[in-house]
Amino acid sequence: MPAPFPGMDPYLEHPDLWPEVHHRLITAIADALAPQVRPKYRVAIEKRTYLLDAEDVVWVGVPDVTVGVGKAASDVLPHTPSSPEHQPLTVTVPMPEEVRESFLEIREIATGEVVTVIKLLCPSNKRAGEGRRVYELKRRHVLSSLTHLVEINLLRAGAALPLTGDTVQADYRILVSRSDERPRAQLYAFQLPDAIPVFPLPLPAGAAQPQVDIQRLLGEVYERAGFDLVLDYGREPVPALHPENYAWADALLREKGLRA
């Protein structure tokens, strides 16, 4: 079944589902761009690894992690009459979780130079903590170089990445920052009911600028992954919608027969 929303599907933002969405979409973007930039450039999928503390792990929805809380009284090892003061309690300690984030680099074949970085934001990039700190360092490095930056934000939760004098209110954003135009950049800001904008991939002067159609690619990922089989459109998405978006989404889903 095709995705029911004309733009971003807010149900794909669920923390338990987003890692798969991210992996599939970043791969789809790479596969779509590769034949358009060759033979002078290639699209490389790179990974960044860092540790999240326990609070960040819970927020981004990394599965199979237990956060440190004490055992209930009924689960505590009983005291023995011989030496009650020496009997330990069984507790759980918060463990850091290794996180691997994928991003794309467009590299020139002749020199190996990275000419463009494409980043699809993760939840940890938008919340205070190690994930955001690591990404902001990478972002500053790219913005101070001759490398172009494309930053795709399809997540409503968390704080937007900083822009000078930013007053834009939008559910989603795509930032295209060409190195030869900085500090100016193009910001595609769009709301839940809007289709995801098509934008040109920034490449060095003289190279053709392929059009990046995230909407089409996300739709193809949705169908290949069978997300319609696991998404319950009768429930509120996570994170929840603003009241005005809820009314619009509710009417849309009812019209398509996905909500009673």
C-alpha atoms as a PDB file:
ATOM      1  CA  MET A   1       0.000   0.000   0.000  1.00  0.00           C
ATOM      2  CA  PRO A   2       1.350   3.490  -0.792  1.00  0.00           C
ATOM      3  CA  ALA A   3       2.069   5.855   2.087  1.00  0.00           C
ATOM      4  CA  PRO A   4      -1.146   7.717   2.988  1.00  0.00           C
ATOM      5  CA  PHE A   5       0.445  11.102   3.690  1.00  0.00           C
ATOM      6  CA  PRO A   6       1.313  13.553   0.887  1.00  0.00           C
ATOM      7  CA  GLY A   7       4.568  14.448   2.635  1.00  0.00           C
ATOM      8  CA  MET A   8       6.388  13.005   5.617  1.00  0.00           C
ATOM      9  CA  ASP A   9       4.503  10.221   7.402  1.00  0.00           C
ATOM     10  CA  PRO A  10       4.623  11.171  11.117  1.00  0.00           C
ATOM     11  CA  TYR A  11       4.163   7.515  12.104  1.00  0.00           C
ATOM     12  CA  LEU A  12       7.625   6.782  10.699  1.00  0.00           C
ATOM     13  CA  GLU A  13       9.122   9.063  13.369  1.00  0.00           C
ATOM     14  CA  HIS A  14       8.435   6.559  16.161  1.00  0.00           C
ATOM     15  CA  PRO A  15      11.736   5.952  18.016  1.00  0.00           C
ATOM     16  CA  ASP A  16      11.413   2.176  17.604  1.00  0.00           C
ATOM     17  CA  LEU A  17      10.929   2.474  13.826  1.00  0.00           C
ATOM     18  CA  TRP A  18      13.115   5.438  12.896  1.00  0.00           C
ATOM     19  CA  PRO A  19      16.465   3.539  12.885  1.00  0.00           C
ATOM     20  CA  GLU A  20      15.140   1.285  10.099  1.00  0.00           C
ATOM     21  CA  VAL A  21      13.603   4.233   8.233  1.00  0.00           C
ATOM     22  CA  HIS A  22      16.913   6.090   8.501  1.00  0.00           C
ATOM     23  CA  HIS A  23      18.958   3.131   7.280  1.00  0.00           C
ATOM     24  CA  ARG A  24      16.701   2.415   4.323  1.00  0.00           C
ATOM     25  CA  LEU A  25      16.275   6.058   3.288  1.00  0.00           C
ATOM     26  CA  ILE A  26      19.969   6.971   3.465  1.00  0.00           C
ATOM     27  CA  THR A  27      20.732   3.915   1.316  1.00  0.00           C
ATOM     28  CA  ALA A  28      17.977   4.862  -1.153  1.00  0.00           C
ATOM     29  CA  ILE A  29      19.399   8.388  -1.472  1.00  0.00           C
ATOM     30  CA  ALA A  30      22.865   6.966  -2.165  1.00  0.00           C
ATOM     31  CA  ASP A  31      21.536   4.532  -4.761  1.00  0.00           C
ATOM     32  CA  ALA A  32      19.513   7.258  -6.510  1.00  0.00           C
ATOM     33  CA  LEU A  33      22.410   9.734  -6.676  1.00  0.00           C
ATOM     34  CA  ALA A  34      25.215   7.333  -7.626  1.00  0.00           C
ATOM     35  CA  PRO A  35      24.399   6.982 -11.355  1.00  0.00           C
ATOM     36  CA  GLN A  36      23.758  10.726 -11.646  1.00  0.00           C
ATOM     37  CA  VAL A  37      27.163  11.847 -10.332  1.00  0.00           C
ATOM     38  CA  ARG A  38      29.410   9.218 -11.920  1.00  0.00           C
ATOM     39  CA  PRO A  39      31.984   8.961 -13.390  1.00  0.00           C
ATOM     40  CA  LYS A  40      33.570  12.027 -11.794  1.00  0.00           C
ATOM     41  CA  TYR A  41      32.107  11.443  -8.315  1.00  0.00           C
ATOM     42  CA  ARG A  42      30.948   8.550  -6.179  1.00  0.00           C
ATOM     43  CA  VAL A  43      28.551   8.363  -3.219  1.00  0.00           C
ATOM     44  CA  ALA A  44      30.045   6.797  -0.085  1.00  0.00           C
ATOM     45  CA  ILE A  45      28.048   5.692   2.958  1.00  0.00           C
ATOM     46  CA  GLU A  46      30.037   6.591   6.054  1.00  0.00           C
ATOM     47  CA  LYS A  47      29.439   5.827   9.732  1.00  0.00           C
ATOM     48  CA  ARG A  48      30.095   7.745  12.924  1.00  0.00           C
ATOM     49  CA  THR A  49      30.225   5.907  16.265  1.00  0.00           C
ATOM     50  CA  TYR A  50      29.807   7.303  19.776  1.00  0.00           C
ATOM     51  CA  LEU A  51      28.399   6.352  23.165  1.00  0.00           C
ATOM     52  CA  LEU A  52      25.072   7.533  24.560  1.00  0.00           C
ATOM     53  CA  ASP A  53      24.415   7.661  28.278  1.00  0.00           C
ATOM     54  CA  ALA A  54      21.376   5.910  29.755  1.00  0.00           C
ATOM     55  CA  GLU A  55      18.987   8.870  29.473  1.00  0.00           C
ATOM     56  CA  ASP A  56      19.818   9.414  25.785  1.00  0.00           C
ATOM     57  CA  VAL A  57      19.417   5.703  25.046  1.00  0.00           C
ATOM     58  CA  VAL A  58      15.869   5.691  26.402  1.00  0.00           C
ATOM     59  CA  TRP A  59      14.940   8.836  24.438  1.00  0.00           C
ATOM     60  CA  VAL A  60      16.142   7.602  21.066  1.00  0.00           C
ATOM     61  CA  GLY A  61      14.470   4.245  21.536  1.00  0.00           C
ATOM     62  CA  VAL A  62      17.457   1.904  21.353  1.00  0.00           C
ATOM     63  CA  PRO A  63      15.958  -1.498  22.196  1.00  0.00           C
ATOM     64  CA  ASP A  64      17.003  -4.089  24.744  1.00  0.00           C
ATOM     65  CA  VAL A  65      18.579  -1.687  27.202  1.00  0.00           C
ATOM     66  CA  THR A  66      17.656  -1.599  30.883  1.00  0.00           C
ATOM     67  CA  VAL A  67      18.140   1.696  32.662  1.00  0.00           C
ATOM     68  CA  GLY A  68      19.445   1.725  36.234  1.00  0.00           C
ATOM     69  CA  VAL A  69      16.637   1.458  38.779  1.00  0.00           C
ATOM     70  CA  GLY A  70      16.650  -0.354  42.085  1.00  0.00           C
ATOM     71  CA  LYS A  71      14.890  -3.685  42.503  1.00  0.00           C
ATOM     72  CA  ALA A  72      11.458  -3.780  44.054  1.00  0.00           C
ATOM     73  CA  ALA A  73      11.383  -4.698  47.713  1.00  0.00           C
ATOM     74  CA  SER A  74      10.106  -8.202  46.913  1.00  0.00           C
ATOM     75  CA  ASP A  75      13.110  -8.820  44.641  1.00  0.00           C
ATOM     76  CA  VAL A  76      15.797  -7.784  47.114  1.00  0.00           C
ATOM     77  CA  LEU A  77      17.898 -10.592  48.517  1.00  0.00           C
ATOM     78  CA  PRO A  78      16.719 -11.347  52.063  1.00  0.00           C
ATOM     79  CA  HIS A  79      18.857 -10.693  55.110  1.00  0.00           C
ATOM     80  CA  THR A  80      20.189 -13.674  56.963  1.00  0.00           C
ATOM     81  CA  PRO A  81      20.272 -13.698  60.742  1.00  0.00           C
ATOM     82  CA  SER A  82      24.035 -14.198  60.827  1.00  0.00           C
ATOM     83  CA  SER A  83      25.229 -10.899  59.293  1.00  0.00           C
ATOM     84  CA  PRO A  84      22.368  -8.798  57.863  1.00  0.00           C
ATOM     85  CA  GLU A  85      24.538  -5.715  57.473  1.00  0.00           C
ATOM     86  CA  HIS A  86      26.719  -7.490  54.899  1.00  0.00           C
ATOM     87  CA  GLN A  87      24.022  -8.732  52.552  1.00  0.00           C
ATOM     88  CA  PRO A  88      24.112  -6.869  49.178  1.00  0.00           C
ATOM     89  CA  LEU A  89      21.143  -5.584  47.231  1.00  0.00           C
ATOM     90  CA  THR A  90      20.757  -6.616  43.615  1.00  0.00           C
ATOM     91  CA  VAL A  91      20.663  -3.470  41.463  1.00  0.00           C
ATOM     92  CA  THR A  92      21.128  -2.535  37.805  1.00  0.00           C
ATOM     93  CA  VAL A  93      23.704   0.013  36.653  1.00  0.00           C
ATOM     94  CA  PRO A  94      23.065   2.305  33.645  1.00  0.00           C
ATOM     95  CA  MET A  95      25.162   1.153  30.712  1.00  0.00           C
ATOM     96  CA  PRO A  96      26.265   3.398  27.846  1.00  0.00           C
ATOM     97  CA  GLU A  97      25.089   2.284  24.422  1.00  0.00           C
ATOM     98  CA  GLU A  98      27.204   2.426  21.287  1.00  0.00           C
ATOM     99  CA  VAL A  99      25.393   4.277  18.499  1.00  0.00           C
ATOM    100  CA  ARG A 100      26.361   4.173  14.832  1.00  0.00           C
ATOM    101  CA  GLU A 101      25.024   6.890  12.546  1.00  0.00           C
ATOM    102  CA  SER A 102      25.201   6.755   8.764  1.00  0.00           C
ATOM    103  CA  PHE A 103      25.705   9.751   6.487  1.00  0.00           C
ATOM    104  CA  LEU A 104      26.681  10.261   2.862  1.00  0.00           C
ATOM    105  CA  GLU A 105      29.787  11.767   1.321  1.00  0.00           C
ATOM    106  CA  ILE A 106      30.062  12.715  -2.350  1.00  0.00           C
ATOM    107  CA  ARG A 107      33.729  12.204  -3.233  1.00  0.00           C
ATOM    108  CA  GLU A 108      35.676  13.257  -6.288  1.00  0.00           C
ATOM    109  CA  ILE A 109      37.223  10.174  -7.900  1.00  0.00           C
ATOM    110  CA  ALA A 110      40.452  11.838  -9.056  1.00  0.00           C
ATOM    111  CA  THR A 111      41.406  13.357  -5.699  1.00  0.00           C
ATOM    112  CA  GLY A 112      39.323  11.504  -3.092  1.00  0.00           C
ATOM    113  CA  GLU A 113      38.157  14.915  -1.872  1.00  0.00           C
ATOM    114  CA  VAL A 114      34.777  15.093  -0.091  1.00  0.00           C
ATOM    115  CA  VAL A 115      32.791  17.704  -1.999  1.00  0.00           C
ATOM    116  CA  THR A 116      29.367  17.274  -0.333  1.00  0.00           C
ATOM    117  CA  VAL A 117      28.112  15.795   2.937  1.00  0.00           C
ATOM    118  CA  ILE A 118      24.480  14.664   3.232  1.00  0.00           C
ATOM    119  CA  LYS A 119      23.181  14.157   6.754  1.00  0.00           C
ATOM    120  CA  LEU A 120      19.762  12.705   7.603  1.00  0.00           C
ATOM    121  CA  LEU A 121      19.237  13.751  11.205  1.00  0.00           C
ATOM    122  CA  CYS A 122      18.709  11.225  14.013  1.00  0.00           C
ATOM    123  CA  PRO A 123      16.808  11.861  17.269  1.00  0.00           C
ATOM    124  CA  SER A 124      20.068  12.069  19.209  1.00  0.00           C
ATOM    125  CA  ASN A 125      21.254  14.925  16.934  1.00  0.00           C
ATOM    126  CA  LYS A 126      18.329  17.083  18.085  1.00  0.00           C
ATOM    127  CA  ARG A 127      18.450  16.493  21.831  1.00  0.00           C
ATOM    128  CA  ALA A 128      21.018  17.856  24.275  1.00  0.00           C
ATOM    129  CA  GLY A 129      23.619  15.196  24.877  1.00  0.00           C
ATOM    130  CA  GLU A 130      26.558  13.429  23.296  1.00  0.00           C
ATOM    131  CA  GLY A 131      24.816  12.755  19.977  1.00  0.00           C
ATOM    132  CA  ARG A 132      24.102  16.430  19.394  1.00  0.00           C
ATOM    133  CA  ARG A 133      27.549  17.490  20.592  1.00  0.00           C
ATOM    134  CA  VAL A 134      29.279  15.071  18.200  1.00  0.00           C
ATOM    135  CA  TYR A 135      27.164  16.159  15.264  1.00  0.00           C
ATOM    136  CA  GLU A 136      27.525  19.881  15.966  1.00  0.00           C
ATOM    137  CA  LEU A 137      31.317  19.457  15.951  1.00  0.00           C
ATOM    138  CA  LYS A 138      31.108  17.681  12.588  1.00  0.00           C
ATOM    139  CA  ARG A 139      28.694  20.335  11.296  1.00  0.00           C
ATOM    140  CA  ARG A 140      30.994  23.209  12.292  1.00  0.00           C
ATOM    141  CA  HIS A 141      33.913  21.445  10.626  1.00  0.00           C
ATOM    142  CA  VAL A 142      32.006  21.073   7.367  1.00  0.00           C
ATOM    143  CA  LEU A 143      30.673  24.646   7.452  1.00  0.00           C
ATOM    144  CA  SER A 144      34.200  26.001   7.896  1.00  0.00           C
ATOM    145  CA  SER A 145      35.505  24.002   4.923  1.00  0.00           C
ATOM    146  CA  LEU A 146      35.012  23.986   1.157  1.00  0.00           C
ATOM    147  CA  THR A 147      32.583  21.073   1.451  1.00  0.00           C
ATOM    148  CA  HIS A 148      28.891  21.580   0.703  1.00  0.00           C
ATOM    149  CA  LEU A 149      26.377  20.440   3.348  1.00  0.00           C
ATOM    150  CA  VAL A 150      22.870  19.018   2.986  1.00  0.00           C
ATOM    151  CA  GLU A 151      21.040  18.533   6.282  1.00  0.00           C
ATOM    152  CA  ILE A 152      17.691  16.719   6.160  1.00  0.00           C
ATOM    153  CA  ASN A 153      15.425  16.981   9.217  1.00  0.00           C
ATOM    154  CA  LEU A 154      12.350  14.728   9.010  1.00  0.00           C
ATOM    155  CA  LEU A 155      11.827  14.616  12.785  1.00  0.00           C
ATOM    156  CA  ARG A 156       9.456  16.930  14.650  1.00  0.00           C
ATOM    157  CA  ALA A 157      10.810  16.171  18.130  1.00  0.00           C
ATOM    158  CA  GLY A 158      13.837  17.954  19.554  1.00  0.00           C
ATOM    159  CA  ALA A 159      15.465  21.298  18.899  1.00  0.00           C
ATOM    160  CA  ALA A 160      16.380  22.415  15.382  1.00  0.00           C
ATOM    161  CA  LEU A 161      20.071  22.782  14.591  1.00  0.00           C
ATOM    162  CA  PRO A 162      21.211  26.393  14.958  1.00  0.00           C
ATOM    163  CA  LEU A 163      20.846  29.024  12.241  1.00  0.00           C
ATOM    164  CA  THR A 164      21.712  32.693  12.685  1.00  0.00           C
ATOM    165  CA  GLY A 165      18.610  34.670  13.617  1.00  0.00           C
ATOM    166  CA  ASP A 166      16.385  31.634  13.098  1.00  0.00           C
ATOM    167  CA  THR A 167      12.682  32.470  13.523  1.00  0.00           C
ATOM    168  CA  VAL A 168      11.293  29.849  11.136  1.00  0.00           C
ATOM    169  CA  GLN A 169       8.537  27.650  12.548  1.00  0.00           C
ATOM    170  CA  ALA A 170       8.247  24.425  10.588  1.00  0.00           C
ATOM    171  CA  ASP A 171       7.620  20.750  11.238  1.00  0.00           C
ATOM    172  CA  TYR A 172      10.472  19.695   8.955  1.00  0.00           C
ATOM    173  CA  ARG A 173      13.510  21.253   7.277  1.00  0.00           C
ATOM    174  CA  ILE A 174      16.081  20.666   4.588  1.00  0.00           C
ATOM    175  CA  LEU A 175      19.175  22.883   4.713  1.00  0.00           C
ATOM    176  CA  VAL A 176      21.366  23.213   1.599  1.00  0.00           C
ATOM    177  CA  SER A 177      24.585  25.073   2.345  1.00  0.00           C
ATOM    178  CA  ARG A 178      26.904  25.673  -0.598  1.00  0.00           C
ATOM    179  CA  SER A 179      30.463  26.423   0.463  1.00  0.00           C
ATOM    180  CA  ASP A 180      30.793  29.244  -2.089  1.00  0.00           C
ATOM    181  CA  GLU A 181      27.666  31.020  -0.781  1.00  0.00           C
ATOM    182  CA  ARG A 182      28.252  30.883   2.977  1.00  0.00           C
ATOM    183  CA  PRO A 183      27.094  32.235   5.324  1.00  0.00           C
ATOM    184  CA  ARG A 184      23.968  32.288   3.127  1.00  0.00           C
ATOM    185  CA  ALA A 185      22.191  28.967   2.628  1.00  0.00           C
ATOM    186  CA  GLN A 186      18.875  27.693   1.293  1.00  0.00           C
ATOM    187  CA  LEU A 187      16.369  26.460   3.863  1.00  0.00           C
ATOM    188  CA  TYR A 188      13.410  24.401   2.678  1.00  0.00           C
ATOM    189  CA  ALA A 189      10.935  24.630   5.564  1.00  0.00           C
ATOM    190  CA  PHE A 190       7.730  22.649   5.255  1.00  0.00           C
ATOM    191  CA  GLN A 191       4.798  21.462   7.357  1.00  0.00           C
ATOM    192  CA  LEU A 192       3.216  18.054   7.838  1.00  0.00           C
ATOM    193  CA  PRO A 193       0.558  18.518   5.094  1.00  0.00           C
ATOM    194  CA  ASP A 194       3.194  19.603   2.535  1.00  0.00           C
ATOM    195  CA  ALA A 195       5.046  17.390   0.087  1.00  0.00           C
ATOM    196  CA  ILE A 196       8.767  17.144   0.812  1.00  0.00           C
ATOM    197  CA  PRO A 197      10.490  19.696  -1.466  1.00  0.00           C
ATOM    198  CA  VAL A 198      12.754  18.580  -4.296  1.00  0.00           C
ATOM    199  CA  PHE A 199      16.151  20.290  -4.111  1.00  0.00           C
ATOM    200  CA  PRO A 200      19.358  20.389  -6.200  1.00  0.00           C
ATOM    201  CA  LEU A 201      22.378  18.515  -4.891  1.00  0.00           C
ATOM    202  CA  PRO A 202      25.209  21.032  -4.416  1.00  0.00           C
ATOM    203  CA  LEU A 203      28.324  20.014  -6.344  1.00  0.00           C
ATOM    204  CA  PRO A 204      31.406  21.962  -7.453  1.00  0.00           C
ATOM    205  CA  ALA A 205      30.962  24.669 -10.084  1.00  0.00           C
ATOM    206  CA  GLY A 206      30.538  23.297 -13.577  1.00  0.00           C
ATOM    207  CA  ALA A 207      29.056  19.965 -12.473  1.00  0.00           C
ATOM    208  CA  ALA A 208      25.415  19.118 -13.137  1.00  0.00           C
ATOM    209  CA  GLN A 209      23.249  19.458 -10.052  1.00  0.00           C
ATOM    210  CA  PRO A 210      21.035  16.342  -9.720  1.00  0.00           C
ATOM    211  CA  GLN A 211      17.571  16.868  -8.272  1.00  0.00           C
ATOM    212  CA  VAL A 212      17.039  15.067  -4.966  1.00  0.00           C
ATOM    213  CA  ASP A 213      13.462  13.833  -4.610  1.00  0.00           C
ATOM    214  CA  ILE A 214      13.181  12.654  -1.004  1.00  0.00           C
ATOM    215  CA  GLN A 215       9.405  12.311  -1.337  1.00  0.00           C
ATOM    216  CA  ARG A 216       9.678   9.734  -4.101  1.00  0.00           C
ATOM    217  CA  LEU A 217      12.453   7.833  -2.359  1.00  0.00           C
ATOM    218  CA  LEU A 218      10.591   7.758   0.966  1.00  0.00           C
ATOM    219  CA  GLY A 219       7.495   6.438  -0.805  1.00  0.00           C
ATOM    220  CA  GLU A 220       9.514   3.658  -2.416  1.00  0.00           C
ATOM    221  CA  VAL A 221      11.125   2.780   0.935  1.00  0.00           C
ATOM    222  CA  TYR A 222       7.681   2.706   2.586  1.00  0.00           C
ATOM    223  CA  GLU A 223       6.377   0.143   0.102  1.00  0.00           C
ATOM    224  CA  ARG A 224       9.510  -2.025  -0.078  1.00  0.00           C
ATOM    225  CA  ALA A 225       9.747  -2.195   3.721  1.00  0.00           C
ATOM    226  CA  GLY A 226       6.053  -3.005   4.150  1.00  0.00           C
ATOM    227  CA  PHE A 227       5.609  -0.284   6.745  1.00  0.00           C
ATOM    228  CA  ASP A 228       1.855  -0.300   6.062  1.00  0.00           C
ATOM    229  CA  LEU A 229       1.765  -3.771   7.618  1.00  0.00           C
ATOM    230  CA  VAL A 230       3.126  -2.614  10.979  1.00  0.00           C
ATOM    231  CA  LEU A 231       1.813   0.934  11.372  1.00  0.00           C
ATOM    232  CA  ASP A 232      -1.405   1.391  13.339  1.00  0.00           C
ATOM    233  CA  TYR A 233      -3.013   4.533  11.937  1.00  0.00           C
ATOM    234  CA  GLY A 234      -5.849   4.229  14.436  1.00  0.00           C
ATOM    235  CA  ARG A 235      -3.487   5.421  17.160  1.00  0.00           C
ATOM    236  CA  GLU A 236      -1.789   8.748  17.768  1.00  0.00           C
ATOM    237  CA  PRO A 237       1.747   8.857  16.315  1.00  0.00           C
ATOM    238  CA  VAL A 238       4.831   9.253  18.491  1.00  0.00           C
ATOM    239  CA  PRO A 239       5.645  12.060  19.019  1.00  0.00           C
ATOM    240  CA  ALA A 240       2.064  13.318  19.211  1.00  0.00           C
ATOM    241  CA  LEU A 241       0.751  15.829  16.689  1.00  0.00           C
ATOM    242  CA  HIS A 242      -0.125  19.436  17.421  1.00  0.00           C
ATOM    243  CA  PRO A 243      -3.900  19.955  17.589  1.00  0.00           C
ATOM    244  CA  GLU A 244      -4.145  21.573  14.146  1.00  0.00           C
ATOM    245  CA  ASN A 245      -2.091  18.802  12.562  1.00  0.00           C
ATOM    246  CA  TYR A 246      -4.071  16.159  14.445  1.00  0.00           C
ATOM    247  CA  ALA A 247      -7.361  17.386  12.986  1.00  0.00           C
ATOM    248  CA  TRP A 248      -5.894  17.403   9.471  1.00  0.00           C
ATOM    249  CA  ALA A 249      -4.301  13.941   9.841  1.00  0.00           C
ATOM    250  CA  ASP A 250      -7.445  12.482  11.396  1.00  0.00           C
ATOM    251  CA  ALA A 251      -9.579  13.658   8.457  1.00  0.00           C
ATOM    252  CA  LEU A 252      -7.008  12.341   5.949  1.00  0.00           C
ATOM    253  CA  LEU A 253      -6.773   8.906   7.542  1.00  0.00           C
ATOM    254  CA  ARG A 254     -10.555   8.596   7.800  1.00  0.00           C
ATOM    255  CA  GLU A 255     -10.913   9.551   4.145  1.00  0.00           C
ATOM    256  CA  LYS A 256      -8.454   6.805   3.179  1.00  0.00           C
ATOM    257  CA  GLY A 257     -10.229   4.231   5.362  1.00  0.00           C
ATOM    258  CA  LEU A 258      -7.308   3.839   7.747  1.00  0.00           C
ATOM    259  CA  ARG A 259      -9.180   5.117  10.794  1.00  0.00           C
ATOM    260  CA  ALA A 260     -12.738   4.420  11.883  1.00  0.00           C
END
